[in-house]
N, C-alpha and C. Protein backbone atom coordinates (compact mmCIF):
# COMPACT_ATOMS: atom_id res chain seq x y z
N UNK A 1 8.75 30.93 8.25
CA UNK A 1 9.79 29.99 8.61
C UNK A 1 9.23 28.58 8.48
N UNK A 2 9.96 27.71 7.85
CA UNK A 2 9.49 26.34 7.63
C UNK A 2 10.34 25.34 8.40
N UNK A 3 9.86 24.12 8.43
CA UNK A 3 10.59 23.02 9.06
C UNK A 3 11.72 22.59 8.13
N UNK A 4 12.87 22.30 8.68
CA UNK A 4 13.98 21.79 7.89
C UNK A 4 13.57 20.45 7.27
N UNK A 5 13.64 20.38 5.96
CA UNK A 5 13.16 19.21 5.22
C UNK A 5 13.90 17.93 5.60
N UNK A 6 15.20 18.00 5.72
CA UNK A 6 15.97 16.79 6.06
C UNK A 6 15.62 16.29 7.46
N UNK A 7 15.44 17.21 8.40
CA UNK A 7 15.07 16.78 9.74
C UNK A 7 13.66 16.20 9.76
N UNK A 8 12.73 16.82 9.05
CA UNK A 8 11.38 16.27 8.97
C UNK A 8 11.42 14.86 8.39
N UNK A 9 12.20 14.68 7.35
CA UNK A 9 12.31 13.38 6.70
C UNK A 9 12.95 12.34 7.63
N UNK A 10 14.07 12.70 8.24
CA UNK A 10 14.83 11.74 9.05
C UNK A 10 14.26 11.50 10.44
N UNK A 11 13.68 12.53 11.04
CA UNK A 11 13.23 12.42 12.43
C UNK A 11 11.74 12.12 12.58
N UNK A 12 10.95 12.43 11.56
CA UNK A 12 9.51 12.24 11.68
C UNK A 12 8.97 11.28 10.61
N UNK A 13 9.09 11.64 9.36
CA UNK A 13 8.42 10.86 8.31
C UNK A 13 8.96 9.44 8.22
N UNK A 14 10.26 9.28 8.03
CA UNK A 14 10.81 7.93 7.86
C UNK A 14 10.56 7.03 9.06
N UNK A 15 10.87 7.46 10.29
CA UNK A 15 10.61 6.55 11.41
C UNK A 15 9.12 6.25 11.61
N UNK A 16 8.27 7.23 11.38
CA UNK A 16 6.83 6.99 11.54
C UNK A 16 6.36 5.96 10.54
N UNK A 17 6.74 6.11 9.28
CA UNK A 17 6.30 5.16 8.27
C UNK A 17 6.87 3.77 8.51
N UNK A 18 8.10 3.70 8.99
CA UNK A 18 8.68 2.39 9.30
C UNK A 18 7.96 1.74 10.47
N UNK A 19 7.63 2.51 11.50
CA UNK A 19 6.90 1.95 12.64
C UNK A 19 5.51 1.47 12.24
N UNK A 20 4.91 2.12 11.26
CA UNK A 20 3.59 1.72 10.78
C UNK A 20 3.66 0.59 9.76
N UNK A 21 4.87 0.22 9.34
CA UNK A 21 5.09 -0.76 8.28
C UNK A 21 4.47 -0.27 6.96
N UNK A 22 4.60 1.05 6.71
CA UNK A 22 4.07 1.67 5.49
C UNK A 22 5.14 2.48 4.77
N UNK A 23 6.39 2.12 5.01
CA UNK A 23 7.51 2.88 4.46
C UNK A 23 7.79 2.50 3.01
N UNK A 24 8.06 3.49 2.22
CA UNK A 24 8.65 3.34 0.89
C UNK A 24 9.23 4.70 0.52
N UNK A 25 10.17 4.71 -0.41
CA UNK A 25 10.74 5.98 -0.86
C UNK A 25 9.65 6.84 -1.50
N UNK A 26 8.74 6.19 -2.22
CA UNK A 26 7.64 6.93 -2.84
C UNK A 26 6.76 7.59 -1.80
N UNK A 27 6.45 6.86 -0.72
CA UNK A 27 5.60 7.42 0.33
C UNK A 27 6.29 8.62 0.99
N UNK A 28 7.58 8.50 1.25
CA UNK A 28 8.32 9.61 1.86
C UNK A 28 8.26 10.84 0.95
N UNK A 29 8.54 10.66 -0.33
CA UNK A 29 8.54 11.80 -1.24
C UNK A 29 7.15 12.38 -1.44
N UNK A 30 6.13 11.53 -1.45
CA UNK A 30 4.76 12.02 -1.57
C UNK A 30 4.37 12.85 -0.35
N UNK A 31 4.74 12.40 0.84
CA UNK A 31 4.43 13.16 2.05
C UNK A 31 5.23 14.45 2.12
N UNK A 32 6.49 14.41 1.72
CA UNK A 32 7.28 15.65 1.68
C UNK A 32 6.65 16.66 0.72
N UNK A 33 6.24 16.19 -0.45
CA UNK A 33 5.60 17.08 -1.41
C UNK A 33 4.27 17.60 -0.92
N UNK A 34 3.50 16.75 -0.26
CA UNK A 34 2.21 17.18 0.29
C UNK A 34 2.43 18.26 1.34
N UNK A 35 3.39 18.05 2.21
CA UNK A 35 3.70 19.04 3.25
C UNK A 35 4.20 20.34 2.61
N UNK A 36 5.05 20.23 1.62
CA UNK A 36 5.60 21.41 0.96
C UNK A 36 4.50 22.26 0.33
N UNK A 37 3.58 21.61 -0.35
CA UNK A 37 2.56 22.37 -1.06
C UNK A 37 1.39 22.78 -0.18
N UNK A 38 1.07 21.98 0.82
CA UNK A 38 -0.09 22.30 1.66
C UNK A 38 0.23 23.35 2.73
N UNK A 39 1.39 23.28 3.34
CA UNK A 39 1.69 24.20 4.45
C UNK A 39 3.01 24.95 4.28
N UNK A 40 3.58 24.88 3.10
CA UNK A 40 4.90 25.46 2.85
C UNK A 40 5.89 24.91 3.88
N UNK A 41 5.92 23.59 3.96
CA UNK A 41 6.80 22.80 4.81
C UNK A 41 6.65 23.18 6.29
N UNK A 42 5.38 23.27 6.71
CA UNK A 42 5.10 23.51 8.12
C UNK A 42 5.01 24.96 8.52
N UNK A 43 5.04 25.87 7.57
CA UNK A 43 4.90 27.28 7.90
C UNK A 43 3.52 27.55 8.50
N UNK A 44 2.51 26.88 7.97
CA UNK A 44 1.13 27.07 8.44
C UNK A 44 0.63 25.81 9.11
N UNK A 45 0.16 25.94 10.33
CA UNK A 45 -0.38 24.80 11.08
C UNK A 45 -1.90 24.81 11.09
N UNK A 46 -2.48 25.90 10.64
CA UNK A 46 -3.93 26.00 10.43
C UNK A 46 -4.10 26.69 9.09
N UNK A 47 -5.10 26.23 8.35
CA UNK A 47 -5.32 26.78 7.03
C UNK A 47 -5.48 28.30 7.08
N UNK A 48 -4.80 28.96 6.15
CA UNK A 48 -4.91 30.41 6.05
C UNK A 48 -6.36 30.77 5.74
N UNK A 49 -6.82 31.89 6.26
CA UNK A 49 -8.20 32.31 6.03
C UNK A 49 -9.14 31.58 6.97
N UNK A 50 -10.28 31.20 6.45
CA UNK A 50 -11.30 30.59 7.30
C UNK A 50 -11.40 29.08 7.14
N UNK A 51 -10.52 28.47 6.39
CA UNK A 51 -10.59 27.03 6.15
C UNK A 51 -10.31 26.20 7.39
N UNK A 52 -10.78 24.96 7.39
CA UNK A 52 -10.66 24.11 8.58
C UNK A 52 -9.41 23.25 8.66
N UNK A 53 -8.59 23.19 7.61
CA UNK A 53 -7.48 22.24 7.55
C UNK A 53 -6.43 22.52 8.63
N UNK A 54 -5.85 21.43 9.14
CA UNK A 54 -4.90 21.52 10.26
C UNK A 54 -3.63 20.73 10.00
N UNK A 55 -2.55 21.15 10.66
CA UNK A 55 -1.30 20.42 10.66
C UNK A 55 -0.46 20.68 9.43
N UNK A 56 0.71 20.05 9.40
CA UNK A 56 1.66 20.30 8.32
C UNK A 56 1.19 19.76 6.97
N UNK A 57 0.21 18.85 6.98
CA UNK A 57 -0.34 18.32 5.74
C UNK A 57 -1.70 18.95 5.43
N UNK A 58 -2.15 19.87 6.30
CA UNK A 58 -3.41 20.58 6.12
C UNK A 58 -4.58 19.63 5.85
N UNK A 59 -4.74 18.66 6.74
CA UNK A 59 -5.84 17.72 6.63
C UNK A 59 -7.09 18.33 7.25
N UNK A 60 -8.20 18.18 6.56
CA UNK A 60 -9.46 18.70 7.08
C UNK A 60 -10.01 17.76 8.15
N UNK A 61 -10.68 18.31 9.16
CA UNK A 61 -11.26 17.48 10.21
C UNK A 61 -12.19 16.38 9.67
N UNK A 62 -12.95 16.67 8.62
CA UNK A 62 -13.84 15.66 8.05
C UNK A 62 -13.05 14.47 7.50
N UNK A 63 -11.91 14.72 6.91
CA UNK A 63 -11.05 13.65 6.40
C UNK A 63 -10.47 12.84 7.54
N UNK A 64 -9.99 13.53 8.56
CA UNK A 64 -9.46 12.88 9.76
C UNK A 64 -10.51 11.96 10.37
N UNK A 65 -11.73 12.49 10.52
CA UNK A 65 -12.83 11.69 11.10
C UNK A 65 -13.17 10.50 10.22
N UNK A 66 -13.19 10.69 8.92
CA UNK A 66 -13.50 9.60 8.00
C UNK A 66 -12.46 8.49 8.11
N UNK A 67 -11.19 8.86 8.16
CA UNK A 67 -10.13 7.86 8.31
C UNK A 67 -10.28 7.12 9.63
N UNK A 68 -10.52 7.88 10.70
CA UNK A 68 -10.65 7.28 12.03
C UNK A 68 -11.85 6.34 12.13
N UNK A 69 -13.00 6.82 11.67
CA UNK A 69 -14.26 6.09 11.87
C UNK A 69 -14.55 5.04 10.81
N UNK A 70 -14.13 5.27 9.58
CA UNK A 70 -14.52 4.39 8.50
C UNK A 70 -13.39 3.56 7.91
N UNK A 71 -12.18 3.78 8.39
CA UNK A 71 -11.05 2.99 7.89
C UNK A 71 -10.31 2.33 9.05
N UNK A 72 -9.77 3.13 9.95
CA UNK A 72 -9.01 2.57 11.07
C UNK A 72 -9.87 1.71 11.99
N UNK A 73 -11.10 2.11 12.17
CA UNK A 73 -12.01 1.38 13.06
C UNK A 73 -12.14 -0.09 12.65
N UNK A 74 -11.96 -0.37 11.36
CA UNK A 74 -12.11 -1.73 10.84
C UNK A 74 -10.77 -2.41 10.59
N UNK A 75 -9.70 -1.78 11.04
CA UNK A 75 -8.36 -2.33 10.89
C UNK A 75 -7.64 -2.25 12.23
N UNK A 76 -7.99 -3.14 13.15
CA UNK A 76 -7.44 -3.07 14.50
C UNK A 76 -5.92 -3.17 14.55
N UNK A 77 -5.33 -3.93 13.64
CA UNK A 77 -3.86 -4.04 13.65
C UNK A 77 -3.20 -2.72 13.27
N UNK A 78 -3.79 -2.02 12.30
CA UNK A 78 -3.23 -0.75 11.88
C UNK A 78 -3.42 0.32 12.95
N UNK A 79 -4.60 0.38 13.54
CA UNK A 79 -4.82 1.39 14.59
C UNK A 79 -3.93 1.10 15.80
N UNK A 80 -3.66 -0.16 16.07
CA UNK A 80 -2.75 -0.50 17.17
C UNK A 80 -1.33 -0.02 16.84
N UNK A 81 -0.90 -0.16 15.57
CA UNK A 81 0.42 0.33 15.17
C UNK A 81 0.49 1.85 15.27
N UNK A 82 -0.61 2.53 14.89
CA UNK A 82 -0.63 3.99 15.01
C UNK A 82 -0.49 4.38 16.47
N UNK A 83 -1.23 3.74 17.33
CA UNK A 83 -1.15 4.07 18.76
C UNK A 83 0.23 3.76 19.33
N UNK A 84 0.83 2.66 18.92
CA UNK A 84 2.19 2.32 19.39
C UNK A 84 3.18 3.36 18.90
N UNK A 85 3.05 3.75 17.66
CA UNK A 85 3.93 4.76 17.06
C UNK A 85 3.84 6.07 17.84
N UNK A 86 2.65 6.41 18.29
CA UNK A 86 2.45 7.64 19.05
C UNK A 86 2.79 7.46 20.52
N UNK A 87 3.07 6.22 20.89
CA UNK A 87 3.32 5.86 22.29
C UNK A 87 2.08 6.15 23.14
N UNK A 88 0.91 5.94 22.54
CA UNK A 88 -0.37 6.11 23.22
C UNK A 88 -0.81 4.78 23.80
N UNK A 89 -1.53 4.83 24.89
CA UNK A 89 -2.20 3.67 25.44
C UNK A 89 -3.17 3.16 24.38
N UNK A 90 -3.38 1.84 24.33
CA UNK A 90 -4.23 1.26 23.29
C UNK A 90 -5.68 1.73 23.36
N UNK A 91 -6.10 2.30 24.47
CA UNK A 91 -7.46 2.80 24.57
C UNK A 91 -7.56 4.29 24.21
N UNK A 92 -6.43 4.92 23.97
CA UNK A 92 -6.42 6.36 23.72
C UNK A 92 -7.04 6.68 22.36
N UNK A 93 -7.87 7.69 22.31
CA UNK A 93 -8.48 8.15 21.07
C UNK A 93 -7.73 9.36 20.54
N UNK A 94 -7.64 9.45 19.25
CA UNK A 94 -7.00 10.59 18.62
C UNK A 94 -7.99 11.74 18.54
N UNK A 95 -7.46 12.94 18.61
CA UNK A 95 -8.26 14.15 18.48
C UNK A 95 -7.70 14.93 17.29
N UNK A 96 -8.58 15.43 16.45
CA UNK A 96 -8.15 16.08 15.22
C UNK A 96 -7.18 17.22 15.47
N UNK A 97 -7.36 17.99 16.53
CA UNK A 97 -6.47 19.11 16.79
C UNK A 97 -5.06 18.67 17.20
N UNK A 98 -4.89 17.39 17.53
CA UNK A 98 -3.55 16.88 17.83
C UNK A 98 -2.63 16.99 16.61
N UNK A 99 -3.20 17.03 15.42
CA UNK A 99 -2.37 17.13 14.21
C UNK A 99 -1.62 18.46 14.14
N UNK A 100 -2.05 19.44 14.90
CA UNK A 100 -1.35 20.73 14.91
C UNK A 100 0.03 20.59 15.54
N UNK A 101 0.13 19.85 16.62
CA UNK A 101 1.39 19.75 17.36
C UNK A 101 2.06 18.38 17.26
N UNK A 102 1.32 17.34 16.91
CA UNK A 102 1.87 15.99 16.87
C UNK A 102 2.23 15.63 15.43
N UNK A 103 3.48 15.84 15.08
CA UNK A 103 3.93 15.61 13.70
C UNK A 103 3.83 14.14 13.31
N UNK A 104 4.03 13.25 14.26
CA UNK A 104 3.92 11.82 13.96
C UNK A 104 2.48 11.44 13.63
N UNK A 105 1.53 11.95 14.40
CA UNK A 105 0.12 11.66 14.12
C UNK A 105 -0.29 12.25 12.78
N UNK A 106 0.09 13.49 12.51
CA UNK A 106 -0.24 14.11 11.23
C UNK A 106 0.34 13.30 10.08
N UNK A 107 1.58 12.84 10.24
CA UNK A 107 2.24 12.02 9.22
C UNK A 107 1.52 10.70 9.03
N UNK A 108 1.18 10.05 10.13
CA UNK A 108 0.47 8.77 10.05
C UNK A 108 -0.86 8.94 9.33
N UNK A 109 -1.61 9.97 9.69
CA UNK A 109 -2.93 10.17 9.08
C UNK A 109 -2.82 10.52 7.60
N UNK A 110 -1.82 11.29 7.24
CA UNK A 110 -1.62 11.61 5.83
C UNK A 110 -1.28 10.35 5.04
N UNK A 111 -0.38 9.55 5.58
CA UNK A 111 0.01 8.30 4.88
C UNK A 111 -1.18 7.35 4.78
N UNK A 112 -1.98 7.26 5.84
CA UNK A 112 -3.14 6.36 5.81
C UNK A 112 -4.18 6.88 4.82
N UNK A 113 -4.29 8.19 4.70
CA UNK A 113 -5.19 8.74 3.68
C UNK A 113 -4.80 8.19 2.30
N UNK A 114 -3.51 8.26 1.99
CA UNK A 114 -3.04 7.75 0.70
C UNK A 114 -3.14 6.22 0.63
N UNK A 115 -3.01 5.54 1.74
CA UNK A 115 -3.10 4.08 1.77
C UNK A 115 -4.47 3.60 1.31
N UNK A 116 -5.49 4.38 1.54
CA UNK A 116 -6.86 4.00 1.16
C UNK A 116 -7.07 3.99 -0.34
N UNK A 117 -6.16 4.58 -1.08
CA UNK A 117 -6.28 4.67 -2.53
C UNK A 117 -5.82 3.36 -3.16
N UNK A 118 -6.63 2.74 -4.00
CA UNK A 118 -6.23 1.45 -4.58
C UNK A 118 -5.11 1.55 -5.62
N UNK A 119 -4.90 2.74 -6.18
CA UNK A 119 -3.85 2.90 -7.18
C UNK A 119 -2.48 2.91 -6.50
N UNK A 120 -1.50 2.24 -7.08
CA UNK A 120 -0.16 2.24 -6.45
C UNK A 120 0.46 3.64 -6.49
N UNK A 121 1.35 3.87 -5.54
CA UNK A 121 2.08 5.14 -5.52
C UNK A 121 2.99 5.23 -6.73
N UNK A 122 3.16 6.42 -7.28
CA UNK A 122 4.13 6.60 -8.36
C UNK A 122 5.54 6.33 -7.87
N UNK A 123 6.47 6.18 -8.80
CA UNK A 123 7.87 6.01 -8.44
C UNK A 123 8.35 7.24 -7.69
N UNK A 124 9.25 7.02 -6.76
CA UNK A 124 9.73 8.11 -5.89
C UNK A 124 10.41 9.23 -6.68
N UNK A 125 10.99 8.91 -7.81
CA UNK A 125 11.70 9.91 -8.62
C UNK A 125 10.78 10.63 -9.61
N UNK A 126 9.54 10.20 -9.72
CA UNK A 126 8.59 10.78 -10.67
C UNK A 126 7.81 11.91 -9.99
N UNK A 127 8.39 13.08 -9.97
CA UNK A 127 7.78 14.21 -9.26
C UNK A 127 6.44 14.58 -9.89
N UNK A 128 6.34 14.54 -11.20
CA UNK A 128 5.06 14.85 -11.85
C UNK A 128 4.02 13.77 -11.55
N UNK A 129 4.45 12.54 -11.46
CA UNK A 129 3.54 11.46 -11.07
C UNK A 129 3.04 11.65 -9.64
N UNK A 130 3.96 11.99 -8.74
CA UNK A 130 3.58 12.27 -7.35
C UNK A 130 2.63 13.46 -7.28
N UNK A 131 2.92 14.49 -8.08
CA UNK A 131 2.08 15.69 -8.09
C UNK A 131 0.67 15.37 -8.58
N UNK A 132 0.56 14.58 -9.63
CA UNK A 132 -0.75 14.19 -10.14
C UNK A 132 -1.51 13.33 -9.13
N UNK A 133 -0.80 12.43 -8.47
CA UNK A 133 -1.40 11.57 -7.44
C UNK A 133 -1.93 12.43 -6.29
N UNK A 134 -1.12 13.38 -5.84
CA UNK A 134 -1.52 14.31 -4.79
C UNK A 134 -2.78 15.07 -5.21
N UNK A 135 -2.76 15.64 -6.41
CA UNK A 135 -3.89 16.46 -6.86
C UNK A 135 -5.17 15.64 -6.95
N UNK A 136 -5.06 14.45 -7.48
CA UNK A 136 -6.25 13.61 -7.68
C UNK A 136 -6.80 13.07 -6.37
N UNK A 137 -5.91 12.62 -5.47
CA UNK A 137 -6.37 11.89 -4.30
C UNK A 137 -6.30 12.65 -2.97
N UNK A 138 -5.55 13.72 -2.93
CA UNK A 138 -5.44 14.47 -1.67
C UNK A 138 -6.12 15.83 -1.78
N UNK A 139 -5.75 16.59 -2.78
CA UNK A 139 -6.30 17.93 -2.93
C UNK A 139 -7.64 17.90 -3.66
N UNK A 140 -7.87 16.96 -4.49
CA UNK A 140 -9.09 16.72 -5.28
C UNK A 140 -9.30 17.77 -6.37
N UNK A 141 -10.25 17.49 -7.22
CA UNK A 141 -10.56 18.37 -8.36
C UNK A 141 -10.96 19.78 -7.90
N UNK A 142 -11.67 19.86 -6.77
CA UNK A 142 -12.18 21.15 -6.30
C UNK A 142 -11.17 21.95 -5.48
N UNK A 143 -10.07 21.32 -5.10
CA UNK A 143 -9.07 21.98 -4.26
C UNK A 143 -8.30 23.05 -5.01
N UNK A 144 -7.69 23.94 -4.24
CA UNK A 144 -6.94 25.06 -4.82
C UNK A 144 -5.54 24.65 -5.28
N UNK A 145 -5.08 23.49 -4.82
CA UNK A 145 -3.75 23.04 -5.22
C UNK A 145 -3.72 22.66 -6.68
N UNK A 146 -2.51 22.53 -7.20
CA UNK A 146 -2.35 22.13 -8.60
C UNK A 146 -1.08 21.30 -8.75
N UNK A 147 -1.00 20.62 -9.87
CA UNK A 147 0.20 19.84 -10.17
C UNK A 147 1.40 20.78 -10.23
N UNK A 148 1.24 21.91 -10.89
CA UNK A 148 2.33 22.88 -11.02
C UNK A 148 2.80 23.42 -9.68
N UNK A 149 1.86 23.70 -8.78
CA UNK A 149 2.22 24.20 -7.45
C UNK A 149 2.97 23.13 -6.68
N UNK A 150 2.50 21.88 -6.74
CA UNK A 150 3.17 20.78 -6.06
C UNK A 150 4.62 20.68 -6.54
N UNK A 151 4.80 20.67 -7.86
CA UNK A 151 6.15 20.54 -8.42
C UNK A 151 7.03 21.72 -8.00
N UNK A 152 6.50 22.93 -8.08
CA UNK A 152 7.28 24.12 -7.70
C UNK A 152 7.63 24.08 -6.21
N UNK A 153 6.67 23.71 -5.37
CA UNK A 153 6.94 23.65 -3.93
C UNK A 153 7.89 22.50 -3.60
N UNK A 154 7.77 21.39 -4.30
CA UNK A 154 8.68 20.26 -4.09
C UNK A 154 10.11 20.70 -4.42
N UNK A 155 10.25 21.35 -5.56
CA UNK A 155 11.57 21.81 -5.97
C UNK A 155 12.12 22.86 -5.01
N UNK A 156 11.26 23.72 -4.48
CA UNK A 156 11.71 24.78 -3.58
C UNK A 156 12.09 24.25 -2.20
N UNK A 157 11.32 23.30 -1.67
CA UNK A 157 11.54 22.84 -0.30
C UNK A 157 12.29 21.52 -0.19
N UNK A 158 12.06 20.63 -1.13
CA UNK A 158 12.63 19.28 -1.01
C UNK A 158 13.92 19.15 -1.83
N UNK A 159 13.93 19.69 -3.01
CA UNK A 159 15.10 19.58 -3.89
C UNK A 159 15.96 20.83 -3.87
N UNK A 160 16.01 21.53 -2.73
CA UNK A 160 16.75 22.79 -2.73
C UNK A 160 18.22 22.60 -2.73
């Protein structure tokens, strides 16, 4: 059973990205595609098998820690927006396992992962461009994901 795509888009992704001042149609579609291909739109909250990835975007703890320690730590305005978006006290620290249940945090961290990439996001309507961007910058060369899987999952979950 997966999360309803329209509700995820309208209730979680769009408001979270707007609160972070990181909203664009391309970002929404990239996150929807990432969720569709990584967790089958929220079907899996922990990586199948023995893998460490967590949440609807299947982010690995090492990536979460890298974003927290080596990116957000040096961007106080952005980390403050993340904490406000989560309605956390400004002194509150994020915990990687929160991505399992906190869809807003998982969304914020996924978007910030892509924010670190200097290449601009593809156009929102360019599904193959989004798929290539995902494969290169999120799943990486060594990952099990593929452009074809992203496109198929996007079409199955997002364009149904």
